[in-house]
N, C-alpha and C. Protein backbone atom coordinates (compact mmCIF):
# COMPACT_ATOMS: atom_id res chain seq x y z
N UNK A 1 -13.79 -40.70 -10.73
CA UNK A 1 -12.78 -39.71 -10.21
C UNK A 1 -13.22 -38.81 -9.20
N UNK A 2 -13.15 -38.26 -8.12
CA UNK A 2 -13.69 -37.15 -7.54
C UNK A 2 -13.66 -35.83 -8.14
N UNK A 3 -14.70 -35.22 -7.42
CA UNK A 3 -14.40 -33.70 -7.83
C UNK A 3 -13.24 -33.02 -7.35
N UNK A 4 -12.68 -32.17 -8.22
CA UNK A 4 -12.03 -31.40 -7.79
C UNK A 4 -12.31 -29.80 -8.08
N UNK A 5 -11.78 -29.02 -7.19
CA UNK A 5 -11.82 -27.24 -7.37
C UNK A 5 -10.16 -26.91 -7.73
N UNK A 6 -10.27 -26.56 -8.86
CA UNK A 6 -9.14 -25.87 -9.06
C UNK A 6 -9.13 -24.19 -9.16
N UNK A 7 -7.97 -24.03 -8.32
CA UNK A 7 -7.54 -22.26 -8.28
C UNK A 7 -6.90 -22.15 -9.45
N UNK A 8 -6.92 -21.44 -9.80
CA UNK A 8 -7.12 -20.79 -11.46
C UNK A 8 -6.35 -19.25 -11.12
N UNK A 9 -5.24 -18.70 -11.76
CA UNK A 9 -4.70 -17.49 -11.18
C UNK A 9 -5.18 -16.63 -10.36
N UNK A 10 -4.57 -16.75 -9.13
CA UNK A 10 -5.33 -16.77 -7.88
C UNK A 10 -4.32 -15.21 -7.55
N UNK A 11 -4.55 -13.92 -6.67
CA UNK A 11 -3.75 -13.01 -6.48
C UNK A 11 -3.17 -13.16 -5.26
N UNK A 12 -2.16 -13.20 -5.01
CA UNK A 12 -1.30 -13.00 -3.86
C UNK A 12 -1.04 -11.61 -3.42
N UNK A 13 -1.28 -11.13 -2.21
CA UNK A 13 -1.07 -9.76 -1.45
C UNK A 13 -0.47 -10.54 -0.28
N UNK A 14 0.61 -9.83 -0.16
CA UNK A 14 1.53 -9.95 1.17
C UNK A 14 1.58 -9.29 2.18
N UNK A 15 1.37 -9.41 3.19
CA UNK A 15 1.17 -9.13 4.36
C UNK A 15 2.10 -8.93 5.65
N UNK A 16 3.16 -8.10 5.61
CA UNK A 16 4.47 -8.69 7.07
C UNK A 16 4.16 -7.55 7.68
N UNK A 17 3.79 -7.91 9.19
CA UNK A 17 4.39 -6.92 10.31
C UNK A 17 5.26 -6.91 10.78
N UNK A 18 5.86 -5.80 10.74
CA UNK A 18 7.01 -4.95 11.07
C UNK A 18 6.99 -4.87 13.04
N UNK A 19 7.59 -5.74 13.80
CA UNK A 19 7.65 -5.73 14.97
C UNK A 19 9.18 -4.72 15.58
N UNK A 20 8.66 -4.13 16.11
CA UNK A 20 9.65 -2.66 17.15
C UNK A 20 9.98 -2.08 16.46
N UNK A 21 9.34 -1.38 15.47
CA UNK A 21 9.37 -0.17 14.45
C UNK A 21 8.55 1.12 15.06
N UNK A 22 8.54 1.31 16.55
CA UNK A 22 8.19 2.21 16.79
C UNK A 22 8.87 3.88 16.91
N UNK A 23 10.19 3.61 17.00
CA UNK A 23 11.06 4.25 17.02
C UNK A 23 11.42 5.26 15.55
N UNK A 24 11.48 4.40 14.68
CA UNK A 24 11.38 4.03 13.32
C UNK A 24 10.09 4.93 12.25
N UNK A 25 9.04 4.24 13.22
CA UNK A 25 8.08 4.89 12.91
C UNK A 25 7.85 6.76 13.31
N UNK A 26 8.55 7.25 14.57
CA UNK A 26 8.29 8.12 15.02
C UNK A 26 9.08 9.40 14.15
N UNK A 27 10.18 8.91 13.83
CA UNK A 27 11.67 9.17 12.81
C UNK A 27 10.72 9.65 11.50
N UNK A 28 9.69 8.91 10.57
CA UNK A 28 9.40 8.90 9.88
C UNK A 28 8.23 9.85 9.86
N UNK A 29 7.27 9.86 10.98
CA UNK A 29 6.15 10.84 10.96
C UNK A 29 6.51 12.20 11.06
N UNK A 30 7.66 12.24 11.88
CA UNK A 30 8.35 13.53 12.09
C UNK A 30 8.85 14.37 10.46
N UNK A 31 9.35 13.18 9.79
CA UNK A 31 9.84 13.56 8.36
C UNK A 31 8.79 14.07 7.83
N UNK A 32 7.94 12.88 7.69
CA UNK A 32 6.50 13.64 6.96
C UNK A 32 6.37 14.86 7.08
N UNK A 33 5.98 15.38 8.48
CA UNK A 33 5.50 16.29 9.29
C UNK A 33 6.34 17.68 8.43
N UNK A 34 7.86 17.36 8.81
CA UNK A 34 8.88 18.29 8.60
C UNK A 34 8.67 18.81 6.86
N UNK A 35 8.49 17.44 5.76
CA UNK A 35 8.18 17.68 4.88
C UNK A 35 6.71 18.73 4.34
N UNK A 36 6.10 18.52 5.36
CA UNK A 36 4.48 19.13 4.70
C UNK A 36 4.69 20.09 5.53
N UNK A 37 5.66 21.04 6.26
CA UNK A 37 5.79 22.29 6.66
C UNK A 37 6.18 22.99 5.88
N UNK A 38 7.50 22.62 5.11
CA UNK A 38 8.50 23.04 4.22
C UNK A 38 8.68 22.94 2.87
N UNK A 39 7.38 22.08 2.27
CA UNK A 39 7.79 21.82 0.93
C UNK A 39 5.76 21.49 0.54
N UNK A 40 6.30 22.10 -0.85
CA UNK A 40 4.69 22.36 -1.83
C UNK A 40 3.94 20.56 -1.58
N UNK A 41 2.79 20.50 -1.75
CA UNK A 41 1.68 19.56 -1.58
C UNK A 41 1.75 18.77 -3.17
N UNK A 42 2.28 17.38 -3.19
CA UNK A 42 2.32 17.09 -4.79
C UNK A 42 1.16 16.33 -5.17
N UNK A 43 0.20 16.37 -4.44
CA UNK A 43 -1.30 15.91 -4.67
C UNK A 43 -1.72 16.10 -6.27
N UNK A 44 -1.77 17.18 -6.72
CA UNK A 44 -2.21 17.68 -8.22
C UNK A 44 -1.57 16.28 -9.25
N UNK A 45 -2.83 15.66 -9.75
CA UNK A 45 -2.88 14.70 -10.68
C UNK A 45 -2.52 13.24 -9.58
N UNK A 46 -3.13 13.63 -8.81
CA UNK A 46 -3.08 11.94 -7.50
C UNK A 46 -4.85 11.82 -7.59
N UNK A 47 -4.83 11.01 -7.00
CA UNK A 47 -6.05 10.82 -6.21
C UNK A 47 -6.06 10.93 -4.71
N UNK A 48 -5.11 11.27 -4.55
CA UNK A 48 -4.85 11.77 -2.57
C UNK A 48 -6.28 12.96 -2.79
N UNK A 49 -7.34 12.54 -2.05
CA UNK A 49 -8.24 13.86 -1.94
C UNK A 49 -8.58 14.44 -0.09
N UNK A 50 -7.96 15.46 -0.06
CA UNK A 50 -7.35 16.11 1.13
C UNK A 50 -6.05 15.50 1.36
N UNK A 51 -5.47 15.82 2.76
CA UNK A 51 -4.13 15.22 2.94
C UNK A 51 -3.26 15.81 2.13
N UNK A 52 -1.82 15.63 2.51
CA UNK A 52 -0.58 15.80 2.05
C UNK A 52 0.11 14.69 1.39
N UNK A 53 0.96 14.97 0.51
CA UNK A 53 1.63 13.87 -0.04
C UNK A 53 3.04 14.23 -0.75
N UNK A 54 4.10 13.62 -0.42
CA UNK A 54 5.31 14.02 -0.97
C UNK A 54 5.51 13.68 -2.57
N UNK A 55 6.91 14.48 -2.98
CA UNK A 55 6.89 13.76 -3.76
C UNK A 55 7.85 12.44 -4.28
N UNK A 56 8.26 12.01 -5.16
CA UNK A 56 8.28 10.49 -5.29
C UNK A 56 9.73 10.35 -4.82
N UNK A 57 10.62 11.12 -3.97
CA UNK A 57 11.70 11.04 -3.97
C UNK A 57 12.08 10.66 -2.34
N UNK A 58 10.99 10.31 -2.29
CA UNK A 58 10.92 9.83 -0.48
C UNK A 58 11.90 9.36 -0.06
N UNK A 59 12.46 8.02 -0.70
CA UNK A 59 13.24 6.87 -0.67
C UNK A 59 15.04 7.56 -0.75
N UNK A 60 15.08 8.55 -1.14
CA UNK A 60 16.79 9.06 -1.46
C UNK A 60 16.85 9.93 -0.38
N UNK A 61 15.65 10.70 0.63
CA UNK A 61 16.28 11.38 1.28
C UNK A 61 17.17 10.67 2.63
N UNK A 62 17.77 11.64 3.21
CA UNK A 62 19.04 11.16 4.27
C UNK A 62 18.54 11.15 5.63
N UNK A 63 17.59 10.00 5.79
CA UNK A 63 16.83 10.47 7.21
C UNK A 63 17.17 8.84 7.73
N UNK A 64 17.20 9.04 9.05
CA UNK A 64 17.47 7.39 10.04
C UNK A 64 16.50 6.59 9.68
N UNK A 65 14.64 7.11 9.66
CA UNK A 65 13.63 5.68 9.77
C UNK A 65 13.55 5.75 8.13
N UNK A 66 13.89 6.40 7.30
CA UNK A 66 14.15 6.00 6.09
C UNK A 66 15.01 4.80 5.58
N UNK A 67 15.97 4.95 6.50
CA UNK A 67 17.40 4.15 6.20
C UNK A 67 16.77 2.95 7.22
N UNK A 68 16.26 2.81 8.28
CA UNK A 68 15.90 1.81 8.45
C UNK A 68 14.95 0.81 8.23
N UNK A 69 13.64 1.47 7.33
CA UNK A 69 12.87 0.68 7.05
C UNK A 69 13.26 0.32 5.54
N UNK A 70 13.88 1.19 4.51
CA UNK A 70 14.53 0.43 3.25
C UNK A 70 14.63 -1.30 2.97
N UNK A 71 15.71 -1.91 4.34
CA UNK A 71 15.95 -2.84 4.37
C UNK A 71 14.74 -3.78 4.10
N UNK A 72 13.98 -3.61 5.15
CA UNK A 72 12.66 -4.14 4.93
C UNK A 72 11.71 -4.43 4.21
N UNK A 73 11.86 -2.95 3.26
CA UNK A 73 10.69 -2.89 1.97
C UNK A 73 11.98 -4.08 0.91
N UNK A 74 13.20 -4.04 0.87
CA UNK A 74 14.01 -4.51 0.09
C UNK A 74 13.68 -5.96 0.11
N UNK A 75 13.81 -6.42 1.65
CA UNK A 75 13.73 -7.86 1.65
C UNK A 75 12.04 -8.35 1.51
N UNK A 76 11.07 -8.01 1.86
CA UNK A 76 9.80 -8.41 1.54
C UNK A 76 9.51 -8.27 0.19
N UNK A 77 10.22 -7.49 -0.69
CA UNK A 77 10.49 -7.08 -2.28
C UNK A 77 10.81 -8.32 -3.14
N UNK A 78 11.74 -9.12 -2.42
CA UNK A 78 12.66 -9.95 -3.37
C UNK A 78 11.21 -11.38 -2.81
N UNK A 79 11.20 -11.08 -1.49
CA UNK A 79 10.62 -12.65 -1.36
C UNK A 79 9.41 -12.55 -2.18
N UNK A 80 8.46 -11.55 -2.28
CA UNK A 80 6.95 -11.67 -2.74
C UNK A 80 7.38 -11.52 -4.38
N UNK A 81 8.86 -11.17 -4.89
CA UNK A 81 8.80 -10.79 -6.21
C UNK A 81 9.43 -12.53 -6.87
N UNK A 82 9.46 -12.98 -6.19
CA UNK A 82 9.80 -15.01 -6.19
C UNK A 82 9.07 -15.50 -6.31
N UNK A 83 7.64 -14.91 -5.41
CA UNK A 83 6.62 -15.89 -5.29
C UNK A 83 5.67 -15.49 -6.69
N UNK A 84 5.94 -14.28 -7.51
CA UNK A 84 5.33 -13.73 -8.15
C UNK A 84 5.89 -14.62 -9.61
N UNK A 85 7.52 -14.59 -9.62
CA UNK A 85 7.91 -15.31 -10.43
C UNK A 85 7.11 -17.26 -10.77
N UNK A 86 7.55 -17.79 -9.15
CA UNK A 86 6.88 -19.14 -9.77
C UNK A 86 5.41 -19.20 -9.84
N UNK A 87 4.76 -18.56 -9.39
CA UNK A 87 3.39 -18.20 -10.12
C UNK A 87 2.76 -17.96 -11.24
N UNK A 88 3.37 -16.98 -11.84
CA UNK A 88 2.85 -16.11 -13.01
C UNK A 88 3.35 -16.38 -14.01
N UNK A 89 4.86 -16.69 -13.73
CA UNK A 89 5.85 -16.79 -15.21
C UNK A 89 6.30 -18.13 -15.75
N UNK A 90 6.04 -18.48 -16.80
CA UNK A 90 6.30 -20.25 -17.37
C UNK A 90 7.84 -20.23 -17.53
N UNK A 91 8.93 -19.67 -17.31
CA UNK A 91 9.89 -19.88 -16.97
C UNK A 91 10.43 -18.45 -16.14
N UNK A 92 11.56 -19.16 -15.05
CA UNK A 92 12.43 -17.37 -14.38
C UNK A 92 13.06 -16.92 -15.28
N UNK A 93 12.94 -15.36 -15.05
CA UNK A 93 14.25 -14.34 -15.89
C UNK A 93 15.10 -14.70 -15.75
N UNK A 94 16.14 -14.58 -16.53
CA UNK A 94 17.93 -14.36 -16.07
C UNK A 94 18.13 -13.74 -14.73
N UNK A 95 17.59 -12.52 -14.92
CA UNK A 95 17.89 -11.42 -14.16
C UNK A 95 16.22 -10.82 -13.54
N UNK A 96 16.64 -10.20 -12.80
CA UNK A 96 15.41 -9.24 -12.08
C UNK A 96 15.99 -8.38 -11.46
N UNK A 97 15.99 -6.69 -11.70
CA UNK A 97 16.49 -5.95 -11.16
C UNK A 97 15.58 -4.59 -10.78
N UNK A 98 15.41 -4.51 -9.46
CA UNK A 98 14.61 -3.77 -8.75
C UNK A 98 14.88 -2.09 -8.59
N UNK A 99 14.02 -1.47 -8.96
CA UNK A 99 13.75 -0.14 -9.15
C UNK A 99 12.99 0.63 -8.32
N UNK A 100 13.15 1.33 -7.41
CA UNK A 100 12.16 1.38 -6.27
C UNK A 100 12.11 3.16 -6.65
N UNK A 101 10.63 3.59 -5.97
CA UNK A 101 10.29 4.89 -5.59
C UNK A 101 9.00 4.68 -4.79
N UNK A 102 9.32 5.96 -4.10
CA UNK A 102 8.49 6.41 -3.45
C UNK A 102 7.38 7.55 -3.07
N UNK A 103 6.70 7.53 -2.31
CA UNK A 103 6.38 8.84 -1.32
C UNK A 103 5.29 8.64 0.02
N UNK A 104 5.43 9.23 0.38
CA UNK A 104 4.39 9.95 1.71
C UNK A 104 3.20 10.43 1.75
N UNK A 105 1.94 9.67 3.04
CA UNK A 105 0.63 10.58 2.56
C UNK A 105 0.24 10.13 3.50
N UNK A 106 -0.08 11.70 4.29
CA UNK A 106 -0.46 11.96 5.51
C UNK A 106 -1.81 12.54 5.79
N UNK A 107 -3.12 11.86 6.06
CA UNK A 107 -4.38 11.89 5.82
C UNK A 107 -4.97 12.52 7.77
N UNK A 108 -6.08 13.09 7.58
CA UNK A 108 -6.54 13.73 8.66
C UNK A 108 -7.85 13.29 8.56
N UNK A 109 -8.63 13.44 9.29
CA UNK A 109 -10.35 13.23 9.35
C UNK A 109 -10.63 13.69 7.79
N UNK A 110 -11.81 12.89 7.50
CA UNK A 110 -12.30 13.51 6.02
C UNK A 110 -11.64 13.26 4.57
N UNK A 111 -10.39 12.92 5.02
CA UNK A 111 -9.91 12.62 3.63
C UNK A 111 -9.40 11.40 3.17
N UNK A 112 -9.39 11.39 2.21
CA UNK A 112 -9.15 9.84 1.66
C UNK A 112 -8.19 9.71 0.18
N UNK A 113 -8.29 8.57 -0.29
CA UNK A 113 -7.73 8.26 -1.30
C UNK A 113 -8.61 7.60 -2.24
N UNK A 114 -8.46 8.09 -3.54
CA UNK A 114 -9.63 7.44 -4.36
C UNK A 114 -9.30 6.27 -5.15
N UNK A 115 -10.10 5.46 -5.19
CA UNK A 115 -9.92 4.11 -6.41
C UNK A 115 -8.79 4.69 -7.16
N UNK A 116 -7.30 3.77 -7.24
CA UNK A 116 -6.27 4.02 -8.43
C UNK A 116 -5.66 2.55 -8.47
N UNK A 117 -4.47 2.84 -9.61
CA UNK A 117 -3.60 1.55 -9.83
C UNK A 117 -1.94 2.39 -9.98
N UNK A 118 -1.24 1.43 -10.11
CA UNK A 118 0.10 2.17 -10.14
C UNK A 118 0.81 1.36 -11.25
N UNK A 119 0.14 2.04 -12.41
CA UNK A 119 0.56 1.62 -13.80
C UNK A 119 1.92 1.41 -14.50
N UNK A 120 2.55 1.88 -13.47
CA UNK A 120 4.37 1.67 -14.22
C UNK A 120 4.88 0.94 -13.01
N UNK A 121 3.93 0.09 -12.30
CA UNK A 121 4.77 -0.52 -11.17
C UNK A 121 4.33 -2.17 -11.36
N UNK A 122 5.54 -3.06 -11.06
CA UNK A 122 5.49 -4.71 -11.22
C UNK A 122 4.68 -5.16 -10.24
N UNK A 123 5.04 -4.07 -8.83
CA UNK A 123 4.94 -4.70 -7.51
C UNK A 123 4.55 -3.13 -6.81
N UNK A 124 3.62 -3.00 -5.87
CA UNK A 124 3.19 -2.06 -4.98
C UNK A 124 3.25 -2.38 -3.81
N UNK A 125 3.78 -1.18 -3.25
CA UNK A 125 2.84 -1.81 -1.45
C UNK A 125 3.00 -0.59 -0.68
N UNK A 126 2.41 -0.88 0.60
CA UNK A 126 2.43 0.76 1.80
C UNK A 126 2.92 0.19 2.78
N UNK A 127 3.44 1.26 3.35
CA UNK A 127 3.79 0.74 4.80
C UNK A 127 3.09 2.04 5.67
N UNK A 128 2.42 1.28 7.10
CA UNK A 128 1.67 2.03 7.72
C UNK A 128 2.57 2.87 8.77
N UNK A 129 2.94 3.88 9.03
CA UNK A 129 3.44 4.53 10.13
C UNK A 129 2.60 4.55 11.22
N UNK A 130 1.33 5.38 10.97
CA UNK A 130 0.29 5.62 12.04
C UNK A 130 -0.59 5.17 11.29
N UNK A 131 -1.62 4.49 12.04
CA UNK A 131 -2.97 4.76 11.87
C UNK A 131 -4.30 4.97 12.74
N UNK A 132 -5.54 5.52 12.55
CA UNK A 132 -6.20 6.54 13.72
C UNK A 132 -6.58 4.66 14.09
N UNK A 133 -7.29 5.37 15.36
CA UNK A 133 -8.28 4.48 16.50
C UNK A 133 -9.77 3.90 15.64
N UNK A 134 -10.56 4.81 14.42
CA UNK A 134 -11.27 4.55 14.18
C UNK A 134 -10.79 3.02 12.96
N UNK A 135 -9.91 3.01 12.58
CA UNK A 135 -9.20 1.85 11.79
C UNK A 135 -10.11 0.82 12.06
N UNK A 136 -9.49 0.48 13.14
CA UNK A 136 -10.30 -1.03 13.93
C UNK A 136 -11.71 -0.94 14.50
N UNK A 137 -12.17 0.16 14.18
CA UNK A 137 -14.02 0.17 14.20
C UNK A 137 -14.81 -0.20 12.98
N UNK A 138 -15.64 -0.92 13.08
CA UNK A 138 -16.79 -1.40 11.56
C UNK A 138 -16.42 0.15 10.81
N UNK A 139 -16.85 -0.25 9.55
CA UNK A 139 -16.85 0.94 8.46
C UNK A 139 -15.68 0.78 7.74
N UNK A 140 -15.59 1.82 6.94
CA UNK A 140 -14.09 2.11 6.09
C UNK A 140 -13.50 2.84 6.57
N UNK A 141 -13.47 3.92 7.66
CA UNK A 141 -12.60 4.76 7.71
C UNK A 141 -11.01 3.88 8.35
N UNK A 142 -10.13 4.30 7.62
CA UNK A 142 -8.45 4.17 7.62
C UNK A 142 -8.23 2.70 6.96
N UNK A 143 -9.12 2.16 6.48
CA UNK A 143 -8.84 1.04 6.21
C UNK A 143 -8.39 1.31 4.37
N UNK A 144 -8.07 0.03 3.90
CA UNK A 144 -7.28 -0.45 2.80
C UNK A 144 -7.93 -1.13 2.37
N UNK A 145 -8.73 -0.75 1.10
CA UNK A 145 -9.43 -1.95 -0.15
C UNK A 145 -8.91 -1.70 -1.04
N UNK A 146 -9.13 -3.60 -1.33
CA UNK A 146 -8.08 -4.02 -2.81
C UNK A 146 -9.30 -4.44 -3.79
N UNK A 147 -9.77 -4.08 -4.54
CA UNK A 147 -10.84 -4.54 -5.42
C UNK A 147 -10.50 -5.31 -6.53
N UNK A 148 -11.55 -6.13 -6.63
CA UNK A 148 -11.11 -7.33 -7.79
C UNK A 148 -10.73 -6.90 -9.29
N UNK A 149 -9.31 -7.20 -9.28
CA UNK A 149 -9.00 -6.97 -10.61
C UNK A 149 -9.85 -7.56 -12.00
N UNK A 150 -10.63 -8.56 -11.52
CA UNK A 150 -10.98 -9.59 -13.04
C UNK A 150 -11.84 -8.38 -13.55
N UNK A 151 -12.45 -8.48 -14.93
CA UNK A 151 -13.48 -7.46 -15.31
C UNK A 151 -14.64 -7.76 -15.02
N UNK A 152 -15.01 -9.21 -14.86
CA UNK A 152 -16.40 -9.85 -14.89
C UNK A 152 -16.59 -9.41 -13.40
N UNK A 153 -15.49 -9.08 -12.69
CA UNK A 153 -15.89 -8.51 -10.83
C UNK A 153 -16.69 -7.01 -11.13
N UNK A 154 -16.74 -6.27 -12.19
CA UNK A 154 -16.81 -5.05 -12.16
C UNK A 154 -18.17 -4.77 -13.60
N UNK A 155 -18.27 -5.28 -14.81
CA UNK A 155 -18.52 -5.89 -15.64
C UNK A 155 -19.92 -6.06 -16.15
N UNK A 156 -19.85 -7.73 -15.20
CA UNK A 156 -21.09 -8.49 -15.32
C UNK A 156 -21.16 -9.02 -13.72
N UNK A 157 -21.39 -8.34 -12.97
CA UNK A 157 -21.38 -8.65 -11.86
C UNK A 157 -22.41 -9.54 -11.61
N UNK A 158 -22.32 -10.62 -10.54
CA UNK A 158 -23.43 -11.76 -10.08
C UNK A 158 -24.38 -10.96 -8.98
N UNK A 159 -25.14 -11.06 -8.29
CA UNK A 159 -26.24 -10.53 -7.60
C UNK A 159 -25.17 -10.76 -6.11
N UNK A 160 -25.09 -9.27 -5.52
CA UNK A 160 -24.34 -9.08 -4.41
C UNK A 160 -23.14 -9.64 -4.65
N UNK A 161 -22.46 -9.36 -5.79
CA UNK A 161 -20.92 -10.07 -6.25
C UNK A 161 -20.15 -8.82 -5.00
N UNK A 162 -19.50 -10.13 -4.10
CA UNK A 162 -18.43 -9.27 -3.05
C UNK A 162 -17.07 -9.10 -4.19
N UNK A 163 -16.65 -7.70 -4.48
CA UNK A 163 -15.60 -7.55 -5.29
C UNK A 163 -14.41 -6.70 -4.52
N UNK A 164 -15.02 -7.06 -3.07
CA UNK A 164 -13.59 -5.75 -2.53
C UNK A 164 -13.08 -6.42 -1.06
N UNK A 165 -11.79 -6.37 -0.79
CA UNK A 165 -11.23 -7.20 -0.18
C UNK A 165 -10.80 -6.01 0.99
N UNK A 166 -11.05 -5.70 2.54
CA UNK A 166 -10.91 -4.32 3.18
C UNK A 166 -9.99 -4.99 4.19
N UNK A 167 -9.04 -4.31 4.58
CA UNK A 167 -8.21 -4.47 5.27
C UNK A 167 -8.14 -3.64 6.53
N UNK A 168 -8.12 -4.04 7.82
CA UNK A 168 -7.59 -2.68 9.22
C UNK A 168 -6.15 -3.00 8.80
N UNK A 169 -5.18 -1.77 8.74
CA UNK A 169 -4.13 -1.87 8.92
C UNK A 169 -3.61 -1.34 10.23
N UNK A 170 -2.51 -1.98 11.20
CA UNK A 170 -1.67 -1.33 12.46
C UNK A 170 -0.54 -0.67 12.15
N UNK A 171 0.12 0.22 12.71
CA UNK A 171 1.21 0.72 12.83
C UNK A 171 2.16 -0.66 12.29
N UNK A 172 2.89 -0.52 11.69
CA UNK A 172 4.08 -1.37 11.49
C UNK A 172 3.76 -2.47 10.40
N UNK A 173 2.58 -2.65 9.62
CA UNK A 173 2.08 -3.37 8.76
C UNK A 173 2.32 -2.82 7.03
N UNK A 174 3.02 -3.67 6.45
CA UNK A 174 3.32 -3.96 5.23
C UNK A 174 2.85 -4.69 4.43
N UNK A 175 1.79 -4.05 2.94
CA UNK A 175 1.53 -4.75 2.37
C UNK A 175 1.96 -4.67 0.62
N UNK A 176 2.16 -5.83 -0.12
CA UNK A 176 2.74 -5.94 -1.27
C UNK A 176 1.87 -5.89 -2.36
N UNK A 177 1.86 -5.69 -3.32
CA UNK A 177 0.41 -6.46 -3.91
C UNK A 177 0.94 -6.24 -5.84
N UNK A 178 0.57 -6.67 -6.81
CA UNK A 178 0.53 -7.09 -8.03
C UNK A 178 0.17 -5.89 -8.69
N UNK A 179 0.90 -5.74 -10.04
CA UNK A 179 0.12 -4.56 -11.13
C UNK A 179 -1.50 -5.27 -11.41
N UNK A 180 -2.53 -4.13 -11.25
CA UNK A 180 -3.39 -4.52 -11.83
C UNK A 180 -4.69 -4.35 -10.95
N UNK A 181 -3.82 -4.27 -9.67
CA UNK A 181 -4.87 -3.98 -8.24
C UNK A 181 -5.24 -2.86 -8.36
N UNK A 182 -6.64 -2.54 -7.90
CA UNK A 182 -7.45 -1.06 -7.71
C UNK A 182 -7.22 -1.04 -6.11
N UNK A 183 -6.66 -0.13 -5.57
CA UNK A 183 -6.70 0.24 -4.30
C UNK A 183 -7.32 1.81 -4.01
N UNK A 184 -8.03 1.85 -2.36
CA UNK A 184 -8.54 3.03 -1.95
C UNK A 184 -8.80 2.78 -0.93
N UNK A 185 -8.37 3.88 -0.09
CA UNK A 185 -8.69 4.20 1.06
C UNK A 185 -8.97 5.47 1.73
N UNK A 186 -10.05 5.61 3.05
CA UNK A 186 -10.71 6.27 3.44
C UNK A 186 -10.53 7.00 4.99
N UNK A 187 -10.36 8.02 5.17
CA UNK A 187 -10.07 8.76 6.40
C UNK A 187 -11.76 9.22 6.74
N UNK A 188 -13.02 8.88 6.71
CA UNK A 188 -14.11 9.46 7.04
C UNK A 188 -14.27 10.09 8.27
N UNK A 189 -13.56 9.09 9.29
CA UNK A 189 -14.42 8.90 10.23
C UNK A 189 -12.78 9.19 11.44
N UNK A 190 -11.70 9.55 10.75
CA UNK A 190 -10.70 8.89 11.65
C UNK A 190 -10.70 10.22 13.02
N UNK A 191 -10.42 9.40 13.82
CA UNK A 191 -10.84 10.36 15.30
C UNK A 191 -9.38 10.64 15.45
N UNK A 192 -7.98 10.09 15.13
CA UNK A 192 -6.48 10.79 15.34
C UNK A 192 -6.19 11.73 14.43
N UNK A 193 -5.12 12.23 15.14
CA UNK A 193 -4.85 13.68 14.38
C UNK A 193 -4.73 13.05 12.63
N UNK A 194 -3.43 12.16 12.86
CA UNK A 194 -2.93 12.22 11.63
C UNK A 194 -2.97 11.00 11.28
N UNK A 195 -2.87 10.04 10.03
CA UNK A 195 -2.27 8.73 10.19
C UNK A 195 -1.24 9.05 8.55
N UNK A 196 0.10 7.92 8.30
CA UNK A 196 1.00 8.61 7.37
C UNK A 196 1.09 6.91 6.83
N UNK A 197 1.38 7.05 5.84
CA UNK A 197 1.78 5.78 5.22
C UNK A 197 2.43 6.25 4.04
N UNK A 198 4.06 5.98 3.82
CA UNK A 198 4.85 5.63 2.69
C UNK A 198 4.21 4.33 1.80
N UNK A 199 4.03 4.66 0.68
CA UNK A 199 4.03 4.38 -0.77
C UNK A 199 4.91 3.94 -0.76
N UNK A 200 5.38 2.81 -1.92
CA UNK A 200 6.67 2.21 -2.93
C UNK A 200 6.33 1.62 -4.01
N UNK A 201 7.20 1.74 -4.87
CA UNK A 201 6.61 1.15 -6.10
C UNK A 201 7.93 0.31 -6.58
N UNK A 202 7.61 -0.58 -7.54
CA UNK A 202 9.13 -1.30 -8.06
C UNK A 202 8.78 -2.07 -9.57
């Protein structure tokens, strides 16, 4: 019998690029700017270092940008949850309910998002409204990093262990990922005025 390589317990990240979102992104950027100008910063107790973070009621707000984005989130979440059910459960549940909450974070040069997880969410995600030009250059600026959730990747590393998957997002990109992933983003060299990204959890 020939050798086989078996992939056990792979982790799937959904990347979906939403086209034609320019007007929606302008509306969302304006909304976050208005919130930042009129409401307190909600970074206390979070890993947002610098920047501005809204409260977790973002998707309950009456705004045309939010109304346009939410159906895309629901569609992606349903498809991704189906993948997780087929991959990770021994039998499908009789019913799957989605409870979504989310917030927006706006960064400028020098701001960052520290390493963190979303322990209360089975599925987490981020949607990029804007992204600085430095995101597409070498280095960490503007990128989102996913860290290997396996204990061995941090507790008993191999020499030159690769334990991070780094992605350069562009406006309109959405990423969904399961509970347990450590994520981080940095904006240390961003030359754009700001980048904004609503995050969601379900």
